[in-house]
Amino acid sequence: MSEKALRSKAESAGRVLRQKKEVVSFLADPNTKTRVKEVVKPNSVSKTLGKAGVALLLSPDPITDVPGAIMLGASLAMKRSDPLSASSVYAEARKLMSELGSLG
């Protein structure tokens, strides 16, 4: 390998390390951590409602069965309005690409 190619690889590796250091410094900020977490795994009211409904259904008190069933049903109905996460967008795009590929 020539000296020019080696120098180019070394400069490239140096740039990558500096950029990684910059990203890590941004991610160390507590505000950024919470924002990234919200993007990767957004809060879902329907999941919380469903968990509460299941907890009420599993409790030994028979009076809690009706509110538990209502909460569980409401969580299933609200599932359509869940916030998008990065993984759900990726899964949907992948599904659409495979459907488009099957058309051609």
PDB file of N, CA and C in Angstrom:
ATOM      1  N   MET A   1       0.841  -1.160   0.000  1.00  0.00           N
ATOM      2  CA  MET A   1       0.000   0.000   0.000  1.00  0.00           C
ATOM      3  C   MET A   1       0.899   1.241   0.000  1.00  0.00           C
ATOM      4  N   SER A   2       0.512   2.224  -0.726  1.00  0.00           N
ATOM      5  CA  SER A   2       1.353   3.420  -0.840  1.00  0.00           C
ATOM      6  C   SER A   2       1.235   4.300   0.407  1.00  0.00           C
ATOM      7  N   GLU A   3       2.184   5.191   0.536  1.00  0.00           N
ATOM      8  CA  GLU A   3       2.194   6.091   1.689  1.00  0.00           C
ATOM      9  C   GLU A   3       0.969   7.003   1.674  1.00  0.00           C
ATOM     10  N   LYS A   4       0.551   7.405   0.476  1.00  0.00           N
ATOM     11  CA  LYS A   4      -0.607   8.288   0.354  1.00  0.00           C
ATOM     12  C   LYS A   4      -1.885   7.583   0.835  1.00  0.00           C
ATOM     13  N   ALA A   5      -2.013   6.310   0.456  1.00  0.00           N
ATOM     14  CA  ALA A   5      -3.193   5.547   0.866  1.00  0.00           C
ATOM     15  C   ALA A   5      -3.196   5.326   2.378  1.00  0.00           C
ATOM     16  N   LEU A   6      -2.029   5.027   2.949  1.00  0.00           N
ATOM     17  CA  LEU A   6      -1.944   4.838   4.395  1.00  0.00           C
ATOM     18  C   LEU A   6      -2.274   6.123   5.148  1.00  0.00           C
ATOM     19  N   ARG A   7      -1.763   7.232   4.649  1.00  0.00           N
ATOM     20  CA  ARG A   7      -2.038   8.521   5.284  1.00  0.00           C
ATOM     21  C   ARG A   7      -3.532   8.837   5.209  1.00  0.00           C
ATOM     22  N   SER A   8      -4.141   8.536   4.072  1.00  0.00           N
ATOM     23  CA  SER A   8      -5.566   8.781   3.903  1.00  0.00           C
ATOM     24  C   SER A   8      -6.376   7.936   4.888  1.00  0.00           C
ATOM     25  N   LYS A   9      -6.001   6.663   5.050  1.00  0.00           N
ATOM     26  CA  LYS A   9      -6.708   5.794   6.000  1.00  0.00           C
ATOM     27  C   LYS A   9      -6.533   6.289   7.429  1.00  0.00           C
ATOM     28  N   ALA A  10      -5.329   6.747   7.766  1.00  0.00           N
ATOM     29  CA  ALA A  10      -5.075   7.250   9.117  1.00  0.00           C
ATOM     30  C   ALA A  10      -5.893   8.512   9.383  1.00  0.00           C
ATOM     31  N   GLU A  11      -5.974   9.413   8.413  1.00  0.00           N
ATOM     32  CA  GLU A  11      -6.774  10.629   8.576  1.00  0.00           C
ATOM     33  C   GLU A  11      -8.251  10.286   8.713  1.00  0.00           C
ATOM     34  N   SER A  12      -8.698   9.315   7.929  1.00  0.00           N
ATOM     35  CA  SER A  12     -10.092   8.892   7.996  1.00  0.00           C
ATOM     36  C   SER A  12     -10.398   8.301   9.370  1.00  0.00           C
ATOM     37  N   ALA A  13      -9.527   7.459   9.885  1.00  0.00           N
ATOM     38  CA  ALA A  13      -9.729   6.869  11.203  1.00  0.00           C
ATOM     39  C   ALA A  13      -9.740   7.953  12.277  1.00  0.00           C
ATOM     40  N   GLY A  14      -8.884   8.954  12.132  1.00  0.00           N
ATOM     41  CA  GLY A  14      -8.859  10.067  13.081  1.00  0.00           C
ATOM     42  C   GLY A  14     -10.154  10.848  13.072  1.00  0.00           C
ATOM     43  N   ARG A  15     -10.694  11.107  11.874  1.00  0.00           N
ATOM     44  CA  ARG A  15     -11.974  11.819  11.764  1.00  0.00           C
ATOM     45  C   ARG A  15     -13.103  11.026  12.408  1.00  0.00           C
ATOM     46  N   VAL A  16     -13.109   9.715  12.149  1.00  0.00           N
ATOM     47  CA  VAL A  16     -14.161   8.861  12.713  1.00  0.00           C
ATOM     48  C   VAL A  16     -14.090   8.893  14.240  1.00  0.00           C
ATOM     49  N   LEU A  17     -12.896   8.797  14.802  1.00  0.00           N
ATOM     50  CA  LEU A  17     -12.744   8.827  16.257  1.00  0.00           C
ATOM     51  C   LEU A  17     -13.188  10.168  16.838  1.00  0.00           C
ATOM     52  N   ARG A  18     -12.857  11.268  16.166  1.00  0.00           N
ATOM     53  CA  ARG A  18     -13.293  12.577  16.650  1.00  0.00           C
ATOM     54  C   ARG A  18     -14.816  12.696  16.605  1.00  0.00           C
ATOM     55  N   GLN A  19     -15.433  12.183  15.537  1.00  0.00           N
ATOM     56  CA  GLN A  19     -16.889  12.245  15.428  1.00  0.00           C
ATOM     57  C   GLN A  19     -17.561  11.370  16.484  1.00  0.00           C
ATOM     58  N   LYS A  20     -16.992  10.195  16.748  1.00  0.00           N
ATOM     59  CA  LYS A  20     -17.546   9.329  17.796  1.00  0.00           C
ATOM     60  C   LYS A  20     -17.451  10.006  19.156  1.00  0.00           C
ATOM     61  N   LYS A  21     -16.332  10.677  19.407  1.00  0.00           N
ATOM     62  CA  LYS A  21     -16.149  11.394  20.666  1.00  0.00           C
ATOM     63  C   LYS A  21     -17.196  12.494  20.803  1.00  0.00           C
ATOM     64  N   GLU A  22     -17.470  13.184  19.712  1.00  0.00           N
ATOM     65  CA  GLU A  22     -18.469  14.253  19.733  1.00  0.00           C
ATOM     66  C   GLU A  22     -19.866  13.696  20.003  1.00  0.00           C
ATOM     67  N   VAL A  23     -20.202  12.585  19.370  1.00  0.00           N
ATOM     68  CA  VAL A  23     -21.515  11.959  19.586  1.00  0.00           C
ATOM     69  C   VAL A  23     -21.653  11.514  21.036  1.00  0.00           C
ATOM     70  N   VAL A  24     -20.612  10.886  21.574  1.00  0.00           N
ATOM     71  CA  VAL A  24     -20.654  10.431  22.966  1.00  0.00           C
ATOM     72  C   VAL A  24     -20.819  11.618  23.914  1.00  0.00           C
ATOM     73  N   SER A  25     -20.157  12.717  23.626  1.00  0.00           N
ATOM     74  CA  SER A  25     -20.291  13.893  24.497  1.00  0.00           C
ATOM     75  C   SER A  25     -21.714  14.455  24.451  1.00  0.00           C
ATOM     76  N   PHE A  26     -22.358  14.409  23.282  1.00  0.00           N
ATOM     77  CA  PHE A  26     -23.748  14.867  23.192  1.00  0.00           C
ATOM     78  C   PHE A  26     -24.685  13.910  23.925  1.00  0.00           C
ATOM     79  N   LEU A  27     -24.430  12.607  23.816  1.00  0.00           N
ATOM     80  CA  LEU A  27     -25.293  11.624  24.461  1.00  0.00           C
ATOM     81  C   LEU A  27     -25.114  11.600  25.972  1.00  0.00           C
ATOM     82  N   ALA A  28     -24.029  12.150  26.482  1.00  0.00           N
ATOM     83  CA  ALA A  28     -23.804  12.195  27.925  1.00  0.00           C
ATOM     84  C   ALA A  28     -24.734  13.211  28.598  1.00  0.00           C
ATOM     85  N   ASP A  29     -25.280  14.133  27.832  1.00  0.00           N
ATOM     86  CA  ASP A  29     -26.192  15.129  28.367  1.00  0.00           C
ATOM     87  C   ASP A  29     -27.505  14.447  28.774  1.00  0.00           C
ATOM     88  N   PRO A  30     -27.980  14.640  30.015  1.00  0.00           N
ATOM     89  CA  PRO A  30     -29.214  13.968  30.465  1.00  0.00           C
ATOM     90  C   PRO A  30     -30.435  14.319  29.623  1.00  0.00           C
ATOM     91  N   ASN A  31     -30.521  15.564  29.157  1.00  0.00           N
ATOM     92  CA  ASN A  31     -31.646  15.966  28.307  1.00  0.00           C
ATOM     93  C   ASN A  31     -31.666  15.173  27.012  1.00  0.00           C
ATOM     94  N   THR A  32     -30.483  15.013  26.421  1.00  0.00           N
ATOM     95  CA  THR A  32     -30.392  14.271  25.164  1.00  0.00           C
ATOM     96  C   THR A  32     -30.744  12.813  25.375  1.00  0.00           C
ATOM     97  N   LYS A  33     -30.310  12.246  26.495  1.00  0.00           N
ATOM     98  CA  LYS A  33     -30.627  10.842  26.786  1.00  0.00           C
ATOM     99  C   LYS A  33     -32.133  10.619  26.827  1.00  0.00           C
ATOM    100  N   THR A  34     -32.854  11.508  27.489  1.00  0.00           N
ATOM    101  CA  THR A  34     -34.304  11.329  27.577  1.00  0.00           C
ATOM    102  C   THR A  34     -34.967  11.514  26.221  1.00  0.00           C
ATOM    103  N   ARG A  35     -34.477  12.448  25.420  1.00  0.00           N
ATOM    104  CA  ARG A  35     -35.062  12.668  24.086  1.00  0.00           C
ATOM    105  C   ARG A  35     -34.825  11.464  23.174  1.00  0.00           C
ATOM    106  N   VAL A  36     -33.623  10.897  23.232  1.00  0.00           N
ATOM    107  CA  VAL A  36     -33.323   9.715  22.417  1.00  0.00           C
ATOM    108  C   VAL A  36     -34.191   8.547  22.864  1.00  0.00           C
ATOM    109  N   LYS A  37     -34.371   8.399  24.169  1.00  0.00           N
ATOM    110  CA  LYS A  37     -35.210   7.320  24.691  1.00  0.00           C
ATOM    111  C   LYS A  37     -36.652   7.476  24.211  1.00  0.00           C
ATOM    112  N   GLU A  38     -37.143   8.725  24.158  1.00  0.00           N
ATOM    113  CA  GLU A  38     -38.503   8.966  23.683  1.00  0.00           C
ATOM    114  C   GLU A  38     -38.663   8.609  22.209  1.00  0.00           C
ATOM    115  N   VAL A  39     -37.611   8.788  21.431  1.00  0.00           N
ATOM    116  CA  VAL A  39     -37.672   8.449  20.008  1.00  0.00           C
ATOM    117  C   VAL A  39     -37.603   6.942  19.820  1.00  0.00           C
ATOM    118  N   VAL A  40     -36.696   6.296  20.546  1.00  0.00           N
ATOM    119  CA  VAL A  40     -36.496   4.858  20.380  1.00  0.00           C
ATOM    120  C   VAL A  40     -37.664   4.065  20.956  1.00  0.00           C
ATOM    121  N   LYS A  41     -38.122   4.459  22.138  1.00  0.00           N
ATOM    122  CA  LYS A  41     -39.224   3.750  22.779  1.00  0.00           C
ATOM    123  C   LYS A  41     -40.189   4.770  23.366  1.00  0.00           C
ATOM    124  N   PRO A  42     -41.115   5.285  22.554  1.00  0.00           N
ATOM    125  CA  PRO A  42     -42.020   6.330  23.037  1.00  0.00           C
ATOM    126  C   PRO A  42     -43.009   5.803  24.073  1.00  0.00           C
ATOM    127  N   ASN A  43     -43.474   6.709  24.927  1.00  0.00           N
ATOM    128  CA  ASN A  43     -44.486   6.339  25.911  1.00  0.00           C
ATOM    129  C   ASN A  43     -45.786   5.998  25.199  1.00  0.00           C
ATOM    130  N   SER A  44     -46.459   5.012  25.709  1.00  0.00           N
ATOM    131  CA  SER A  44     -47.700   4.581  25.089  1.00  0.00           C
ATOM    132  C   SER A  44     -48.791   4.513  26.152  1.00  0.00           C
ATOM    133  N   VAL A  45     -49.819   5.314  25.984  1.00  0.00           N
ATOM    134  CA  VAL A  45     -50.935   5.315  26.930  1.00  0.00           C
ATOM    135  C   VAL A  45     -51.668   3.988  26.856  1.00  0.00           C
ATOM    136  N   SER A  46     -51.789   3.420  25.670  1.00  0.00           N
ATOM    137  CA  SER A  46     -52.530   2.166  25.537  1.00  0.00           C
ATOM    138  C   SER A  46     -51.835   1.024  26.268  1.00  0.00           C
ATOM    139  N   LYS A  47     -50.498   1.001  26.253  1.00  0.00           N
ATOM    140  CA  LYS A  47     -49.781  -0.056  26.987  1.00  0.00           C
ATOM    141  C   LYS A  47     -50.012   0.081  28.486  1.00  0.00           C
ATOM    142  N   THR A  48     -49.941   1.297  28.988  1.00  0.00           N
ATOM    143  CA  THR A  48     -50.151   1.529  30.416  1.00  0.00           C
ATOM    144  C   THR A  48     -51.581   1.164  30.808  1.00  0.00           C
ATOM    145  N   LEU A  49     -52.523   1.548  29.979  1.00  0.00           N
ATOM    146  CA  LEU A  49     -53.924   1.227  30.238  1.00  0.00           C
ATOM    147  C   LEU A  49     -54.148  -0.284  30.211  1.00  0.00           C
ATOM    148  N   GLY A  50     -53.520  -0.957  29.271  1.00  0.00           N
ATOM    149  CA  GLY A  50     -53.646  -2.410  29.177  1.00  0.00           C
ATOM    150  C   GLY A  50     -53.050  -3.117  30.385  1.00  0.00           C
ATOM    151  N   LYS A  51     -51.885  -2.654  30.837  1.00  0.00           N
ATOM    152  CA  LYS A  51     -51.263  -3.256  32.017  1.00  0.00           C
ATOM    153  C   LYS A  51     -52.143  -3.071  33.253  1.00  0.00           C
ATOM    154  N   ALA A  52     -52.718  -1.879  33.394  1.00  0.00           N
ATOM    155  CA  ALA A  52     -53.596  -1.622  34.533  1.00  0.00           C
ATOM    156  C   ALA A  52     -54.857  -2.486  34.444  1.00  0.00           C
ATOM    157  N   GLY A  53     -55.382  -2.643  33.247  1.00  0.00           N
ATOM    158  CA  GLY A  53     -56.567  -3.481  33.068  1.00  0.00           C
ATOM    159  C   GLY A  53     -56.301  -4.933  33.396  1.00  0.00           C
ATOM    160  N   VAL A  54     -55.166  -5.457  32.965  1.00  0.00           N
ATOM    161  CA  VAL A  54     -54.813  -6.845  33.274  1.00  0.00           C
ATOM    162  C   VAL A  54     -54.615  -7.012  34.776  1.00  0.00           C
ATOM    163  N   ALA A  55     -53.980  -6.017  35.400  1.00  0.00           N
ATOM    164  CA  ALA A  55     -53.775  -6.090  36.853  1.00  0.00           C
ATOM    165  C   ALA A  55     -55.112  -6.128  37.586  1.00  0.00           C
ATOM    166  N   LEU A  56     -56.057  -5.328  37.124  1.00  0.00           N
ATOM    167  CA  LEU A  56     -57.382  -5.346  37.758  1.00  0.00           C
ATOM    168  C   LEU A  56     -58.098  -6.668  37.509  1.00  0.00           C
ATOM    169  N   LEU A  57     -57.944  -7.234  36.331  1.00  0.00           N
ATOM    170  CA  LEU A  57     -58.585  -8.512  36.028  1.00  0.00           C
ATOM    171  C   LEU A  57     -57.988  -9.652  36.860  1.00  0.00           C
ATOM    172  N   LEU A  58     -56.707  -9.586  37.118  1.00  0.00           N
ATOM    173  CA  LEU A  58     -56.038 -10.654  37.865  1.00  0.00           C
ATOM    174  C   LEU A  58     -56.201 -10.532  39.377  1.00  0.00           C
ATOM    175  N   SER A  59     -56.683  -9.389  39.837  1.00  0.00           N
ATOM    176  CA  SER A  59     -56.864  -9.226  41.278  1.00  0.00           C
ATOM    177  C   SER A  59     -58.007 -10.136  41.749  1.00  0.00           C
ATOM    178  N   PRO A  60     -57.945 -10.602  42.992  1.00  0.00           N
ATOM    179  CA  PRO A  60     -58.956 -11.550  43.477  1.00  0.00           C
ATOM    180  C   PRO A  60     -60.322 -10.912  43.738  1.00  0.00           C
ATOM    181  N   ASP A  61     -60.399  -9.610  43.792  1.00  0.00           N
ATOM    182  CA  ASP A  61     -61.659  -8.925  44.056  1.00  0.00           C
ATOM    183  C   ASP A  61     -62.531  -8.938  42.804  1.00  0.00           C
ATOM    184  N   PRO A  62     -63.747  -9.500  42.864  1.00  0.00           N
ATOM    185  CA  PRO A  62     -64.595  -9.584  41.655  1.00  0.00           C
ATOM    186  C   PRO A  62     -65.115  -8.224  41.179  1.00  0.00           C
ATOM    187  N   ILE A  63     -65.098  -7.221  42.035  1.00  0.00           N
ATOM    188  CA  ILE A  63     -65.610  -5.903  41.646  1.00  0.00           C
ATOM    189  C   ILE A  63     -64.685  -5.246  40.619  1.00  0.00           C
ATOM    190  N   THR A  64     -63.415  -5.609  40.623  1.00  0.00           N
ATOM    191  CA  THR A  64     -62.462  -4.971  39.719  1.00  0.00           C
ATOM    192  C   THR A  64     -62.480  -5.564  38.309  1.00  0.00           C
ATOM    193  N   ASP A  65     -63.245  -6.633  38.104  1.00  0.00           N
ATOM    194  CA  ASP A  65     -63.262  -7.266  36.777  1.00  0.00           C
ATOM    195  C   ASP A  65     -63.861  -6.356  35.703  1.00  0.00           C
ATOM    196  N   VAL A  66     -64.930  -5.668  36.019  1.00  0.00           N
ATOM    197  CA  VAL A  66     -65.591  -4.813  35.030  1.00  0.00           C
ATOM    198  C   VAL A  66     -64.689  -3.640  34.624  1.00  0.00           C
ATOM    199  N   PRO A  67     -64.132  -2.868  35.581  1.00  0.00           N
ATOM    200  CA  PRO A  67     -63.228  -1.794  35.154  1.00  0.00           C
ATOM    201  C   PRO A  67     -61.979  -2.333  34.451  1.00  0.00           C
ATOM    202  N   GLY A  68     -61.492  -3.493  34.884  1.00  0.00           N
ATOM    203  CA  GLY A  68     -60.325  -4.091  34.231  1.00  0.00           C
ATOM    204  C   GLY A  68     -60.613  -4.441  32.784  1.00  0.00           C
ATOM    205  N   ALA A  69     -61.779  -5.031  32.536  1.00  0.00           N
ATOM    206  CA  ALA A  69     -62.163  -5.391  31.169  1.00  0.00           C
ATOM    207  C   ALA A  69     -62.344  -4.134  30.312  1.00  0.00           C
ATOM    208  N   ILE A  70     -62.927  -3.099  30.905  1.00  0.00           N
ATOM    209  CA  ILE A  70     -63.122  -1.847  30.164  1.00  0.00           C
ATOM    210  C   ILE A  70     -61.773  -1.231  29.810  1.00  0.00           C
ATOM    211  N   MET A  71     -60.851  -1.220  30.777  1.00  0.00           N
ATOM    212  CA  MET A  71     -59.522  -0.647  30.527  1.00  0.00           C
ATOM    213  C   MET A  71     -58.768  -1.449  29.473  1.00  0.00           C
ATOM    214  N   LEU A  72     -58.872  -2.779  29.539  1.00  0.00           N
ATOM    215  CA  LEU A  72     -58.198  -3.618  28.548  1.00  0.00           C
ATOM    216  C   LEU A  72     -58.786  -3.394  27.155  1.00  0.00           C
ATOM    217  N   GLY A  73     -60.103  -3.288  27.065  1.00  0.00           N
ATOM    218  CA  GLY A  73     -60.739  -3.008  25.779  1.00  0.00           C
ATOM    219  C   GLY A  73     -60.361  -1.641  25.238  1.00  0.00           C
ATOM    220  N   ALA A  74     -60.296  -0.668  26.132  1.00  0.00           N
ATOM    221  CA  ALA A  74     -59.907   0.684  25.706  1.00  0.00           C
ATOM    222  C   ALA A  74     -58.462   0.704  25.213  1.00  0.00           C
ATOM    223  N   SER A  75     -57.600  -0.085  25.855  1.00  0.00           N
ATOM    224  CA  SER A  75     -56.201  -0.121  25.408  1.00  0.00           C
ATOM    225  C   SER A  75     -56.093  -0.731  24.017  1.00  0.00           C
ATOM    226  N   LEU A  76     -56.892  -1.740  23.746  1.00  0.00           N
ATOM    227  CA  LEU A  76     -56.880  -2.336  22.402  1.00  0.00           C
ATOM    228  C   LEU A  76     -57.423  -1.365  21.361  1.00  0.00           C
ATOM    229  N   ALA A  77     -58.434  -0.601  21.736  1.00  0.00           N
ATOM    230  CA  ALA A  77     -58.993   0.380  20.802  1.00  0.00           C
ATOM    231  C   ALA A  77     -58.015   1.533  20.547  1.00  0.00           C
ATOM    232  N   MET A  78     -57.247   1.896  21.579  1.00  0.00           N
ATOM    233  CA  MET A  78     -56.299   3.006  21.446  1.00  0.00           C
ATOM    234  C   MET A  78     -54.998   2.592  20.768  1.00  0.00           C
ATOM    235  N   LYS A  79     -54.792   1.308  20.572  1.00  0.00           N
ATOM    236  CA  LYS A  79     -53.541   0.820  20.008  1.00  0.00           C
ATOM    237  C   LYS A  79     -53.225   1.474  18.665  1.00  0.00           C
ATOM    238  N   ARG A  80     -54.230   1.809  17.902  1.00  0.00           N
ATOM    239  CA  ARG A  80     -54.016   2.419  16.580  1.00  0.00           C
ATOM    240  C   ARG A  80     -53.390   3.803  16.678  1.00  0.00           C
ATOM    241  N   SER A  81     -53.608   4.491  17.798  1.00  0.00           N
ATOM    242  CA  SER A  81     -53.085   5.847  17.922  1.00  0.00           C
ATOM    243  C   SER A  81     -51.782   5.898  18.715  1.00  0.00           C
ATOM    244  N   ASP A  82     -51.103   4.766  18.849  1.00  0.00           N
ATOM    245  CA  ASP A  82     -49.804   4.749  19.530  1.00  0.00           C
ATOM    246  C   ASP A  82     -48.807   5.602  18.771  1.00  0.00           C
ATOM    247  N   PRO A  83     -47.895   6.250  19.482  1.00  0.00           N
ATOM    248  CA  PRO A  83     -46.874   7.049  18.792  1.00  0.00           C
ATOM    249  C   PRO A  83     -45.929   6.160  18.002  1.00  0.00           C
ATOM    250  N   LEU A  84     -45.422   6.683  16.909  1.00  0.00           N
ATOM    251  CA  LEU A  84     -44.494   5.924  16.082  1.00  0.00           C
ATOM    252  C   LEU A  84     -43.129   5.846  16.746  1.00  0.00           C
ATOM    253  N   SER A  85     -42.522   4.684  16.651  1.00  0.00           N
ATOM    254  CA  SER A  85     -41.148   4.535  17.118  1.00  0.00           C
ATOM    255  C   SER A  85     -40.273   4.296  15.892  1.00  0.00           C
ATOM    256  N   ALA A  86     -38.985   4.393  16.083  1.00  0.00           N
ATOM    257  CA  ALA A  86     -38.063   4.176  14.966  1.00  0.00           C
ATOM    258  C   ALA A  86     -38.208   2.767  14.421  1.00  0.00           C
ATOM    259  N   SER A  87     -38.383   1.788  15.310  1.00  0.00           N
ATOM    260  CA  SER A  87     -38.499   0.400  14.847  1.00  0.00           C
ATOM    261  C   SER A  87     -39.811   0.166  14.095  1.00  0.00           C
ATOM    262  N   SER A  88     -40.908   0.830  14.517  1.00  0.00           N
ATOM    263  CA  SER A  88     -42.174   0.631  13.804  1.00  0.00           C
ATOM    264  C   SER A  88     -42.131   1.271  12.417  1.00  0.00           C
ATOM    265  N   VAL A  89     -41.456   2.408  12.300  1.00  0.00           N
ATOM    266  CA  VAL A  89     -41.305   3.043  10.984  1.00  0.00           C
ATOM    267  C   VAL A  89     -40.475   2.155  10.079  1.00  0.00           C
ATOM    268  N   TYR A  90     -39.397   1.591  10.609  1.00  0.00           N
ATOM    269  CA  TYR A  90     -38.542   0.698   9.827  1.00  0.00           C
ATOM    270  C   TYR A  90     -39.316  -0.542   9.384  1.00  0.00           C
ATOM    271  N   ALA A  91     -40.077  -1.139  10.305  1.00  0.00           N
ATOM    272  CA  ALA A  91     -40.850  -2.337   9.963  1.00  0.00           C
ATOM    273  C   ALA A  91     -41.883  -2.044   8.887  1.00  0.00           C
ATOM    274  N   GLU A  92     -42.549  -0.895   8.987  1.00  0.00           N
ATOM    275  CA  GLU A  92     -43.552  -0.522   7.982  1.00  0.00           C
ATOM    276  C   GLU A  92     -42.904  -0.271   6.630  1.00  0.00           C
ATOM    277  N   ALA A  93     -41.759   0.414   6.615  1.00  0.00           N
ATOM    278  CA  ALA A  93     -41.062   0.672   5.356  1.00  0.00           C
ATOM    279  C   ALA A  93     -40.594  -0.637   4.725  1.00  0.00           C
ATOM    280  N   ARG A  94     -40.115  -1.538   5.531  1.00  0.00           N
ATOM    281  CA  ARG A  94     -39.666  -2.841   5.024  1.00  0.00           C
ATOM    282  C   ARG A  94     -40.832  -3.630   4.418  1.00  0.00           C
ATOM    283  N   LYS A  95     -41.984  -3.586   5.106  1.00  0.00           N
ATOM    284  CA  LYS A  95     -43.173  -4.272   4.599  1.00  0.00           C
ATOM    285  C   LYS A  95     -43.616  -3.674   3.266  1.00  0.00           C
ATOM    286  N   LEU A  96     -43.624  -2.335   3.170  1.00  0.00           N
ATOM    287  CA  LEU A  96     -44.024  -1.680   1.925  1.00  0.00           C
ATOM    288  C   LEU A  96     -43.059  -1.998   0.779  1.00  0.00           C
ATOM    289  N   MET A  97     -41.761  -2.020   1.093  1.00  0.00           N
ATOM    290  CA  MET A  97     -40.768  -2.334   0.055  1.00  0.00           C
ATOM    291  C   MET A  97     -40.946  -3.765  -0.458  1.00  0.00           C
ATOM    292  N   SER A  98     -41.246  -4.694   0.431  1.00  0.00           N
ATOM    293  CA  SER A  98     -41.450  -6.077  -0.023  1.00  0.00           C
ATOM    294  C   SER A  98     -42.720  -6.188  -0.861  1.00  0.00           C
ATOM    295  N   GLU A  99     -43.766  -5.431  -0.486  1.00  0.00           N
ATOM    296  CA  GLU A  99     -44.987  -5.439  -1.281  1.00  0.00           C
ATOM    297  C   GLU A  99     -44.772  -4.826  -2.661  1.00  0.00           C
ATOM    298  N   LEU A 100     -43.990  -3.746  -2.698  1.00  0.00           N
ATOM    299  CA  LEU A 100     -43.683  -3.128  -3.994  1.00  0.00           C
ATOM    300  C   LEU A 100     -42.820  -4.055  -4.851  1.00  0.00           C
ATOM    301  N   GLY A 101     -41.927  -4.784  -4.211  1.00  0.00           N
ATOM    302  CA  GLY A 101     -41.079  -5.725  -4.944  1.00  0.00           C
ATOM    303  C   GLY A 101     -41.879  -6.863  -5.538  1.00  0.00           C
ATOM    304  N   SER A 102     -42.926  -7.290  -4.841  1.00  0.00           N
ATOM    305  CA  SER A 102     -43.746  -8.398  -5.356  1.00  0.00           C
ATOM    306  C   SER A 102     -44.632  -7.955  -6.520  1.00  0.00           C
ATOM    307  N   LEU A 103     -44.882  -6.659  -6.646  1.00  0.00           N
ATOM    308  CA  LEU A 103     -45.714  -6.163  -7.746  1.00  0.00           C
ATOM    309  C   LEU A 103     -44.954  -6.229  -9.081  1.00  0.00           C
ATOM    310  N   GLY A 104     -43.651  -5.993  -9.018  1.00  0.00           N
ATOM    311  CA  GLY A 104     -42.861  -5.896 -10.254  1.00  0.00           C
ATOM    312  C   GLY A 104     -42.382  -7.193 -10.669  1.00  0.00           C
TER     313      GLY A 104
END
